[in-house]
Amino acid sequence: QAERVFGRVEAELLLIESQFSLHTDSALVRLNRDG
């Protein structure tokens, strides 16, 4: 059960990274680049 739910946790963390990281092509990086 934990393996299944932790898979969902990892997917959510990757989504958070795609939104707020300054070190990937995230939404925040695109906002800073494009204004």
PDB file of all heavy atoms in Angstrom:
ATOM      1  N   GLN A   1       0.831  -1.197   0.000  1.00  0.00           N
ATOM      2  CA  GLN A   1       0.000   0.000   0.000  1.00  0.00           C
ATOM      3  C   GLN A   1       0.869   1.252   0.000  1.00  0.00           C
ATOM      4  O   GLN A   1       0.598   2.226  -0.706  1.00  0.00           O
ATOM      5  CB  GLN A   1      -0.911  -0.003   1.219  1.00  0.00           C
ATOM      6  CG  GLN A   1      -1.869   1.183   1.283  1.00  0.00           C
ATOM      7  CD  GLN A   1      -2.653   1.216   2.586  1.00  0.00           C
ATOM      8  OE1 GLN A   1      -2.243   0.619   3.584  1.00  0.00           O
ATOM      9  NE2 GLN A   1      -3.780   1.910   2.585  1.00  0.00           N
ATOM     10  N   ALA A   2       1.943   1.232   0.799  1.00  0.00           N
ATOM     11  CA  ALA A   2       2.845   2.382   0.869  1.00  0.00           C
ATOM     12  C   ALA A   2       3.529   2.622  -0.467  1.00  0.00           C
ATOM     13  O   ALA A   2       3.692   3.775  -0.890  1.00  0.00           O
ATOM     14  CB  ALA A   2       3.882   2.162   1.960  1.00  0.00           C
ATOM     15  N   GLU A   3       3.931   1.558  -1.147  1.00  0.00           N
ATOM     16  CA  GLU A   3       4.589   1.724  -2.439  1.00  0.00           C
ATOM     17  C   GLU A   3       3.671   2.435  -3.426  1.00  0.00           C
ATOM     18  O   GLU A   3       4.103   3.312  -4.174  1.00  0.00           O
ATOM     19  CB  GLU A   3       5.009   0.361  -2.991  1.00  0.00           C
ATOM     20  CG  GLU A   3       5.789   0.451  -4.286  1.00  0.00           C
ATOM     21  CD  GLU A   3       6.305  -0.898  -4.745  1.00  0.00           C
ATOM     22  OE1 GLU A   3       5.992  -1.911  -4.088  1.00  0.00           O
ATOM     23  OE2 GLU A   3       7.026  -0.935  -5.756  1.00  0.00           O
ATOM     24  N   ARG A   4       2.378   2.085  -3.422  1.00  0.00           N
ATOM     25  CA  ARG A   4       1.429   2.738  -4.309  1.00  0.00           C
ATOM     26  C   ARG A   4       1.262   4.218  -3.962  1.00  0.00           C
ATOM     27  O   ARG A   4       1.323   5.087  -4.836  1.00  0.00           O
ATOM     28  CB  ARG A   4       0.070   2.032  -4.226  1.00  0.00           C
ATOM     29  CG  ARG A   4      -1.005   2.686  -5.106  1.00  0.00           C
ATOM     30  CD  ARG A   4      -2.366   2.059  -4.866  1.00  0.00           C
ATOM     31  NE  ARG A   4      -2.808   2.232  -3.502  1.00  0.00           N
ATOM     32  CZ  ARG A   4      -3.348   3.358  -3.031  1.00  0.00           C
ATOM     33  NH1 ARG A   4      -3.494   4.413  -3.822  1.00  0.00           N
ATOM     34  NH2 ARG A   4      -3.740   3.437  -1.783  1.00  0.00           N
ATOM     35  N   VAL A   5       1.059   4.509  -2.679  1.00  0.00           N
ATOM     36  CA  VAL A   5       0.810   5.891  -2.299  1.00  0.00           C
ATOM     37  C   VAL A   5       2.066   6.738  -2.444  1.00  0.00           C
ATOM     38  O   VAL A   5       2.008   7.916  -2.829  1.00  0.00           O
ATOM     39  CB  VAL A   5       0.239   5.988  -0.867  1.00  0.00           C
ATOM     40  CG1 VAL A   5       1.299   5.752   0.202  1.00  0.00           C
ATOM     41  CG2 VAL A   5      -0.423   7.337  -0.646  1.00  0.00           C
ATOM     42  N   PHE A   6       3.232   6.153  -2.209  1.00  0.00           N
ATOM     43  CA  PHE A   6       4.457   6.924  -2.386  1.00  0.00           C
ATOM     44  C   PHE A   6       4.732   7.198  -3.858  1.00  0.00           C
ATOM     45  O   PHE A   6       5.389   8.177  -4.208  1.00  0.00           O
ATOM     46  CB  PHE A   6       5.643   6.216  -1.731  1.00  0.00           C
ATOM     47  CG  PHE A   6       5.609   6.270  -0.220  1.00  0.00           C
ATOM     48  CD1 PHE A   6       6.131   5.234   0.538  1.00  0.00           C
ATOM     49  CD2 PHE A   6       5.060   7.354   0.440  1.00  0.00           C
ATOM     50  CE1 PHE A   6       6.109   5.279   1.918  1.00  0.00           C
ATOM     51  CE2 PHE A   6       5.026   7.403   1.823  1.00  0.00           C
ATOM     52  CZ  PHE A   6       5.551   6.366   2.567  1.00  0.00           C
ATOM     53  N   GLY A   7       4.245   6.349  -4.741  1.00  0.00           N
ATOM     54  CA  GLY A   7       4.317   6.666  -6.161  1.00  0.00           C
ATOM     55  C   GLY A   7       3.531   7.921  -6.482  1.00  0.00           C
ATOM     56  O   GLY A   7       3.966   8.764  -7.282  1.00  0.00           O
ATOM     57  N   ARG A   8       2.365   8.073  -5.861  1.00  0.00           N
ATOM     58  CA  ARG A   8       1.578   9.293  -6.039  1.00  0.00           C
ATOM     59  C   ARG A   8       2.287  10.502  -5.429  1.00  0.00           C
ATOM     60  O   ARG A   8       2.236  11.604  -5.974  1.00  0.00           O
ATOM     61  CB  ARG A   8       0.199   9.123  -5.405  1.00  0.00           C
ATOM     62  CG  ARG A   8      -0.704   8.123  -6.114  1.00  0.00           C
ATOM     63  CD  ARG A   8      -2.150   8.349  -5.722  1.00  0.00           C
ATOM     64  NE  ARG A   8      -2.583   9.696  -6.096  1.00  0.00           N
ATOM     65  CZ  ARG A   8      -3.683  10.289  -5.628  1.00  0.00           C
ATOM     66  NH1 ARG A   8      -4.451   9.644  -4.761  1.00  0.00           N
ATOM     67  NH2 ARG A   8      -4.015  11.488  -6.005  1.00  0.00           N
ATOM     68  N   VAL A   9       2.934  10.294  -4.298  1.00  0.00           N
ATOM     69  CA  VAL A   9       3.708  11.376  -3.674  1.00  0.00           C
ATOM     70  C   VAL A   9       4.794  11.861  -4.620  1.00  0.00           C
ATOM     71  O   VAL A   9       4.982  13.071  -4.818  1.00  0.00           O
ATOM     72  CB  VAL A   9       4.320  10.896  -2.344  1.00  0.00           C
ATOM     73  CG1 VAL A   9       5.400  11.869  -1.862  1.00  0.00           C
ATOM     74  CG2 VAL A   9       3.235  10.746  -1.281  1.00  0.00           C
ATOM     75  N   GLU A  10       5.520  10.954  -5.218  1.00  0.00           N
ATOM     76  CA  GLU A  10       6.603  11.332  -6.125  1.00  0.00           C
ATOM     77  C   GLU A  10       6.071  12.101  -7.330  1.00  0.00           C
ATOM     78  O   GLU A  10       6.682  13.062  -7.786  1.00  0.00           O
ATOM     79  CB  GLU A  10       7.382  10.090  -6.545  1.00  0.00           C
ATOM     80  CG  GLU A  10       8.153   9.468  -5.389  1.00  0.00           C
ATOM     81  CD  GLU A  10       8.794   8.146  -5.756  1.00  0.00           C
ATOM     82  OE1 GLU A  10       8.675   7.726  -6.932  1.00  0.00           O
ATOM     83  OE2 GLU A  10       9.416   7.521  -4.879  1.00  0.00           O
ATOM     84  N   ALA A  11       4.921  11.665  -7.852  1.00  0.00           N
ATOM     85  CA  ALA A  11       4.332  12.376  -8.982  1.00  0.00           C
ATOM     86  C   ALA A  11       3.934  13.796  -8.578  1.00  0.00           C
ATOM     87  O   ALA A  11       4.116  14.749  -9.350  1.00  0.00           O
ATOM     88  CB  ALA A  11       3.115  11.607  -9.498  1.00  0.00           C
ATOM     89  N   GLU A  12       3.390  13.958  -7.376  1.00  0.00           N
ATOM     90  CA  GLU A  12       3.015  15.294  -6.899  1.00  0.00           C
ATOM     91  C   GLU A  12       4.240  16.174  -6.695  1.00  0.00           C
ATOM     92  O   GLU A  12       4.228  17.371  -7.019  1.00  0.00           O
ATOM     93  CB  GLU A  12       2.220  15.184  -5.594  1.00  0.00           C
ATOM     94  CG  GLU A  12       1.699  16.507  -5.052  1.00  0.00           C
ATOM     95  CD  GLU A  12       0.600  17.126  -5.903  1.00  0.00           C
ATOM     96  OE1 GLU A  12       0.061  16.427  -6.789  1.00  0.00           O
ATOM     97  OE2 GLU A  12       0.258  18.300  -5.672  1.00  0.00           O
ATOM     98  N   LEU A  13       5.318  15.605  -6.181  1.00  0.00           N
ATOM     99  CA  LEU A  13       6.546  16.383  -5.999  1.00  0.00           C
ATOM    100  C   LEU A  13       7.119  16.840  -7.339  1.00  0.00           C
ATOM    101  O   LEU A  13       7.618  17.968  -7.455  1.00  0.00           O
ATOM    102  CB  LEU A  13       7.580  15.559  -5.230  1.00  0.00           C
ATOM    103  CG  LEU A  13       7.254  15.310  -3.756  1.00  0.00           C
ATOM    104  CD1 LEU A  13       8.278  14.372  -3.143  1.00  0.00           C
ATOM    105  CD2 LEU A  13       7.191  16.615  -2.976  1.00  0.00           C
ATOM    106  N   LEU A  14       7.033  15.999  -8.338  1.00  0.00           N
ATOM    107  CA  LEU A  14       7.497  16.400  -9.667  1.00  0.00           C
ATOM    108  C   LEU A  14       6.630  17.530 -10.222  1.00  0.00           C
ATOM    109  O   LEU A  14       7.133  18.443 -10.885  1.00  0.00           O
ATOM    110  CB  LEU A  14       7.492  15.199 -10.611  1.00  0.00           C
ATOM    111  CG  LEU A  14       8.582  14.156 -10.352  1.00  0.00           C
ATOM    112  CD1 LEU A  14       8.350  12.922 -11.193  1.00  0.00           C
ATOM    113  CD2 LEU A  14       9.960  14.739 -10.626  1.00  0.00           C
ATOM    114  N   LEU A  15       5.330  17.492  -9.936  1.00  0.00           N
ATOM    115  CA  LEU A  15       4.452  18.582 -10.349  1.00  0.00           C
ATOM    116  C   LEU A  15       4.825  19.878  -9.637  1.00  0.00           C
ATOM    117  O   LEU A  15       4.889  20.948 -10.255  1.00  0.00           O
ATOM    118  CB  LEU A  15       2.991  18.219 -10.061  1.00  0.00           C
ATOM    119  CG  LEU A  15       1.953  19.305 -10.360  1.00  0.00           C
ATOM    120  CD1 LEU A  15       1.988  19.708 -11.831  1.00  0.00           C
ATOM    121  CD2 LEU A  15       0.563  18.825  -9.957  1.00  0.00           C
ATOM    122  N   ILE A  16       5.079  19.802  -8.344  1.00  0.00           N
ATOM    123  CA  ILE A  16       5.500  20.987  -7.588  1.00  0.00           C
ATOM    124  C   ILE A  16       6.798  21.539  -8.149  1.00  0.00           C
ATOM    125  O   ILE A  16       6.963  22.756  -8.316  1.00  0.00           O
ATOM    126  CB  ILE A  16       5.652  20.638  -6.097  1.00  0.00           C
ATOM    127  CG1 ILE A  16       4.278  20.284  -5.502  1.00  0.00           C
ATOM    128  CG2 ILE A  16       6.295  21.784  -5.327  1.00  0.00           C
ATOM    129  CD1 ILE A  16       4.358  19.629  -4.139  1.00  0.00           C
ATOM    130  N   GLU A  17       7.726  20.651  -8.467  1.00  0.00           N
ATOM    131  CA  GLU A  17       8.985  21.072  -9.070  1.00  0.00           C
ATOM    132  C   GLU A  17       8.745  21.790 -10.395  1.00  0.00           C
ATOM    133  O   GLU A  17       9.387  22.796 -10.703  1.00  0.00           O
ATOM    134  CB  GLU A  17       9.870  19.843  -9.299  1.00  0.00           C
ATOM    135  CG  GLU A  17      11.241  20.138  -9.847  1.00  0.00           C
ATOM    136  CD  GLU A  17      12.205  20.637  -8.790  1.00  0.00           C
ATOM    137  OE1 GLU A  17      11.856  20.626  -7.606  1.00  0.00           O
ATOM    138  OE2 GLU A  17      13.315  21.049  -9.170  1.00  0.00           O
ATOM    139  N   SER A  18       7.804  21.288 -11.173  1.00  0.00           N
ATOM    140  CA  SER A  18       7.520  21.897 -12.474  1.00  0.00           C
ATOM    141  C   SER A  18       6.868  23.263 -12.346  1.00  0.00           C
ATOM    142  O   SER A  18       6.818  24.022 -13.316  1.00  0.00           O
ATOM    143  CB  SER A  18       6.610  20.973 -13.297  1.00  0.00           C
ATOM    144  OG  SER A  18       5.272  21.003 -12.831  1.00  0.00           O
ATOM    145  N   GLN A  19       6.395  23.578 -11.161  1.00  0.00           N
ATOM    146  CA  GLN A  19       5.761  24.871 -10.939  1.00  0.00           C
ATOM    147  C   GLN A  19       6.699  25.890 -10.307  1.00  0.00           C
ATOM    148  O   GLN A  19       6.700  27.060 -10.703  1.00  0.00           O
ATOM    149  CB  GLN A  19       4.523  24.687 -10.050  1.00  0.00           C
ATOM    150  CG  GLN A  19       3.412  23.890 -10.718  1.00  0.00           C
ATOM    151  CD  GLN A  19       2.323  23.483  -9.761  1.00  0.00           C
ATOM    152  OE1 GLN A  19       2.544  23.352  -8.549  1.00  0.00           O
ATOM    153  NE2 GLN A  19       1.127  23.265 -10.280  1.00  0.00           N
ATOM    154  N   PHE A  20       7.522  25.476  -9.315  1.00  0.00           N
ATOM    155  CA  PHE A  20       8.205  26.458  -8.472  1.00  0.00           C
ATOM    156  C   PHE A  20       9.727  26.361  -8.434  1.00  0.00           C
ATOM    157  O   PHE A  20      10.377  27.183  -7.791  1.00  0.00           O
ATOM    158  CB  PHE A  20       7.671  26.374  -7.037  1.00  0.00           C
ATOM    159  CG  PHE A  20       6.197  26.643  -6.949  1.00  0.00           C
ATOM    160  CD1 PHE A  20       5.312  25.662  -6.538  1.00  0.00           C
ATOM    161  CD2 PHE A  20       5.689  27.884  -7.290  1.00  0.00           C
ATOM    162  CE1 PHE A  20       3.958  25.906  -6.463  1.00  0.00           C
ATOM    163  CE2 PHE A  20       4.330  28.147  -7.222  1.00  0.00           C
ATOM    164  CZ  PHE A  20       3.463  27.154  -6.810  1.00  0.00           C
ATOM    165  N   SER A  21      10.328  25.387  -9.096  1.00  0.00           N
ATOM    166  CA  SER A  21      11.783  25.283  -9.083  1.00  0.00           C
ATOM    167  C   SER A  21      12.421  26.424  -9.868  1.00  0.00           C
ATOM    168  O   SER A  21      11.882  26.880 -10.879  1.00  0.00           O
ATOM    169  CB  SER A  21      12.224  23.956  -9.696  1.00  0.00           C
ATOM    170  OG  SER A  21      13.622  23.916  -9.851  1.00  0.00           O
ATOM    171  N   LEU A  22      13.591  26.861  -9.408  1.00  0.00           N
ATOM    172  CA  LEU A  22      14.389  27.822 -10.162  1.00  0.00           C
ATOM    173  C   LEU A  22      15.464  27.128 -10.993  1.00  0.00           C
ATOM    174  O   LEU A  22      16.276  27.803 -11.631  1.00  0.00           O
ATOM    175  CB  LEU A  22      15.047  28.826  -9.211  1.00  0.00           C
ATOM    176  CG  LEU A  22      14.135  29.912  -8.633  1.00  0.00           C
ATOM    177  CD1 LEU A  22      14.860  30.693  -7.552  1.00  0.00           C
ATOM    178  CD2 LEU A  22      13.636  30.844  -9.725  1.00  0.00           C
ATOM    179  N   HIS A  23      15.462  25.807 -11.011  1.00  0.00           N
ATOM    180  CA  HIS A  23      16.557  25.066 -11.635  1.00  0.00           C
ATOM    181  C   HIS A  23      16.076  24.078 -12.698  1.00  0.00           C
ATOM    182  O   HIS A  23      16.845  23.232 -13.155  1.00  0.00           O
ATOM    183  CB  HIS A  23      17.372  24.348 -10.553  1.00  0.00           C
ATOM    184  CG  HIS A  23      17.854  25.278  -9.491  1.00  0.00           C
ATOM    185  ND1 HIS A  23      18.900  26.160  -9.686  1.00  0.00           N
ATOM    186  CD2 HIS A  23      17.393  25.509  -8.240  1.00  0.00           C
ATOM    187  CE1 HIS A  23      19.078  26.871  -8.588  1.00  0.00           C
ATOM    188  NE2 HIS A  23      18.181  26.497  -7.695  1.00  0.00           N
ATOM    189  N   THR A  24      14.814  24.169 -13.074  1.00  0.00           N
ATOM    190  CA  THR A  24      14.285  23.400 -14.196  1.00  0.00           C
ATOM    191  C   THR A  24      13.447  24.364 -15.034  1.00  0.00           C
ATOM    192  O   THR A  24      13.265  25.522 -14.677  1.00  0.00           O
ATOM    193  CB  THR A  24      13.403  22.230 -13.716  1.00  0.00           C
ATOM    194  OG1 THR A  24      12.244  22.761 -13.049  1.00  0.00           O
ATOM    195  CG2 THR A  24      14.158  21.318 -12.768  1.00  0.00           C
ATOM    196  N   ASP A  25      12.916  23.877 -16.133  1.00  0.00           N
ATOM    197  CA  ASP A  25      12.053  24.715 -16.967  1.00  0.00           C
ATOM    198  C   ASP A  25      10.651  24.747 -16.361  1.00  0.00           C
ATOM    199  O   ASP A  25       9.682  24.257 -16.939  1.00  0.00           O
ATOM    200  CB  ASP A  25      12.006  24.182 -18.401  1.00  0.00           C
ATOM    201  CG  ASP A  25      11.226  25.112 -19.330  1.00  0.00           C
ATOM    202  OD1 ASP A  25      11.220  26.328 -19.079  1.00  0.00           O
ATOM    203  OD2 ASP A  25      10.620  24.610 -20.296  1.00  0.00           O
ATOM    204  N   SER A  26      10.570  25.342 -15.179  1.00  0.00           N
ATOM    205  CA  SER A  26       9.316  25.389 -14.440  1.00  0.00           C
ATOM    206  C   SER A  26       8.481  26.592 -14.869  1.00  0.00           C
ATOM    207  O   SER A  26       8.947  27.482 -15.597  1.00  0.00           O
ATOM    208  CB  SER A  26       9.604  25.487 -12.944  1.00  0.00           C
ATOM    209  OG  SER A  26      10.205  26.747 -12.646  1.00  0.00           O
ATOM    210  N   ALA A  27       7.242  26.615 -14.368  1.00  0.00           N
ATOM    211  CA  ALA A  27       6.390  27.775 -14.617  1.00  0.00           C
ATOM    212  C   ALA A  27       7.034  29.043 -14.063  1.00  0.00           C
ATOM    213  O   ALA A  27       6.952  30.112 -14.682  1.00  0.00           O
ATOM    214  CB  ALA A  27       5.016  27.556 -13.986  1.00  0.00           C
ATOM    215  N   LEU A  28       7.692  28.939 -12.911  1.00  0.00           N
ATOM    216  CA  LEU A  28       8.347  30.109 -12.325  1.00  0.00           C
ATOM    217  C   LEU A  28       9.515  30.586 -13.189  1.00  0.00           C
ATOM    218  O   LEU A  28       9.678  31.799 -13.413  1.00  0.00           O
ATOM    219  CB  LEU A  28       8.841  29.772 -10.916  1.00  0.00           C
ATOM    220  CG  LEU A  28       9.584  30.878 -10.175  1.00  0.00           C
ATOM    221  CD1 LEU A  28       8.726  32.125 -10.043  1.00  0.00           C
ATOM    222  CD2 LEU A  28      10.056  30.383  -8.817  1.00  0.00           C
ATOM    223  N   VAL A  29      10.302  29.665 -13.693  1.00  0.00           N
ATOM    224  CA  VAL A  29      11.411  30.042 -14.576  1.00  0.00           C
ATOM    225  C   VAL A  29      10.889  30.717 -15.834  1.00  0.00           C
ATOM    226  O   VAL A  29      11.443  31.728 -16.303  1.00  0.00           O
ATOM    227  CB  VAL A  29      12.271  28.804 -14.915  1.00  0.00           C
ATOM    228  CG1 VAL A  29      13.205  29.090 -16.090  1.00  0.00           C
ATOM    229  CG2 VAL A  29      13.083  28.374 -13.694  1.00  0.00           C
ATOM    230  N   ARG A  30       9.825  30.210 -16.394  1.00  0.00           N
ATOM    231  CA  ARG A  30       9.256  30.819 -17.596  1.00  0.00           C
ATOM    232  C   ARG A  30       8.693  32.207 -17.298  1.00  0.00           C
ATOM    233  O   ARG A  30       8.837  33.132 -18.120  1.00  0.00           O
ATOM    234  CB  ARG A  30       8.175  29.907 -18.191  1.00  0.00           C
ATOM    235  CG  ARG A  30       8.723  28.568 -18.687  1.00  0.00           C
ATOM    236  CD  ARG A  30       7.712  27.835 -19.552  1.00  0.00           C
ATOM    237  NE  ARG A  30       6.482  27.519 -18.849  1.00  0.00           N
ATOM    238  CZ  ARG A  30       6.300  26.437 -18.089  1.00  0.00           C
ATOM    239  NH1 ARG A  30       7.311  25.566 -17.916  1.00  0.00           N
ATOM    240  NH2 ARG A  30       5.140  26.214 -17.504  1.00  0.00           N
ATOM    241  N   LEU A  31       8.068  32.365 -16.136  1.00  0.00           N
ATOM    242  CA  LEU A  31       7.581  33.680 -15.742  1.00  0.00           C
ATOM    243  C   LEU A  31       8.735  34.668 -15.609  1.00  0.00           C
ATOM    244  O   LEU A  31       8.668  35.801 -16.108  1.00  0.00           O
ATOM    245  CB  LEU A  31       6.817  33.577 -14.421  1.00  0.00           C
ATOM    246  CG  LEU A  31       6.392  34.896 -13.765  1.00  0.00           C
ATOM    247  CD1 LEU A  31       5.450  35.685 -14.656  1.00  0.00           C
ATOM    248  CD2 LEU A  31       5.759  34.622 -12.395  1.00  0.00           C
ATOM    249  N   ASN A  32       9.806  34.256 -14.953  1.00  0.00           N
ATOM    250  CA  ASN A  32      10.967  35.138 -14.795  1.00  0.00           C
ATOM    251  C   ASN A  32      11.608  35.474 -16.139  1.00  0.00           C
ATOM    252  O   ASN A  32      12.064  36.598 -16.358  1.00  0.00           O
ATOM    253  CB  ASN A  32      11.999  34.486 -13.868  1.00  0.00           C
ATOM    254  CG  ASN A  32      11.562  34.464 -12.414  1.00  0.00           C
ATOM    255  OD1 ASN A  32      10.629  35.171 -12.021  1.00  0.00           O
ATOM    256  ND2 ASN A  32      12.233  33.659 -11.611  1.00  0.00           N
ATOM    257  N   ARG A  33      11.632  34.513 -17.047  1.00  0.00           N
ATOM    258  CA  ARG A  33      12.252  34.718 -18.361  1.00  0.00           C
ATOM    259  C   ARG A  33      11.393  35.592 -19.271  1.00  0.00           C
ATOM    260  O   ARG A  33      11.901  36.512 -19.920  1.00  0.00           O
ATOM    261  CB  ARG A  33      12.484  33.355 -19.019  1.00  0.00           C
ATOM    262  CG  ARG A  33      13.158  33.400 -20.394  1.00  0.00           C
ATOM    263  CD  ARG A  33      13.072  32.045 -21.047  1.00  0.00           C
ATOM    264  NE  ARG A  33      11.685  31.671 -21.343  1.00  0.00           N
ATOM    265  CZ  ARG A  33      11.238  30.403 -21.330  1.00  0.00           C
ATOM    266  NH1 ARG A  33      12.049  29.402 -21.037  1.00  0.00           N
ATOM    267  NH2 ARG A  33       9.969  30.155 -21.620  1.00  0.00           N
ATOM    268  N   ASP A  34      10.108  35.323 -19.296  1.00  0.00           N
ATOM    269  CA  ASP A  34       9.225  35.970 -20.261  1.00  0.00           C
ATOM    270  C   ASP A  34       8.499  37.187 -19.700  1.00  0.00           C
ATOM    271  O   ASP A  34       7.940  37.984 -20.471  1.00  0.00           O
ATOM    272  CB  ASP A  34       8.178  34.974 -20.773  1.00  0.00           C
ATOM    273  CG  ASP A  34       8.810  33.747 -21.420  1.00  0.00           C
ATOM    274  OD1 ASP A  34       9.965  33.852 -21.893  1.00  0.00           O
ATOM    275  OD2 ASP A  34       8.152  32.680 -21.428  1.00  0.00           O
ATOM    276  N   GLY A  35       8.466  37.304 -18.382  1.00  0.00           N
ATOM    277  CA  GLY A  35       7.751  38.417 -17.766  1.00  0.00           C
ATOM    278  C   GLY A  35       6.256  38.194 -17.663  1.00  0.00           C
ATOM    279  O   GLY A  35       5.539  39.072 -17.159  1.00  0.00           O
TER     280      GLY A  35
END
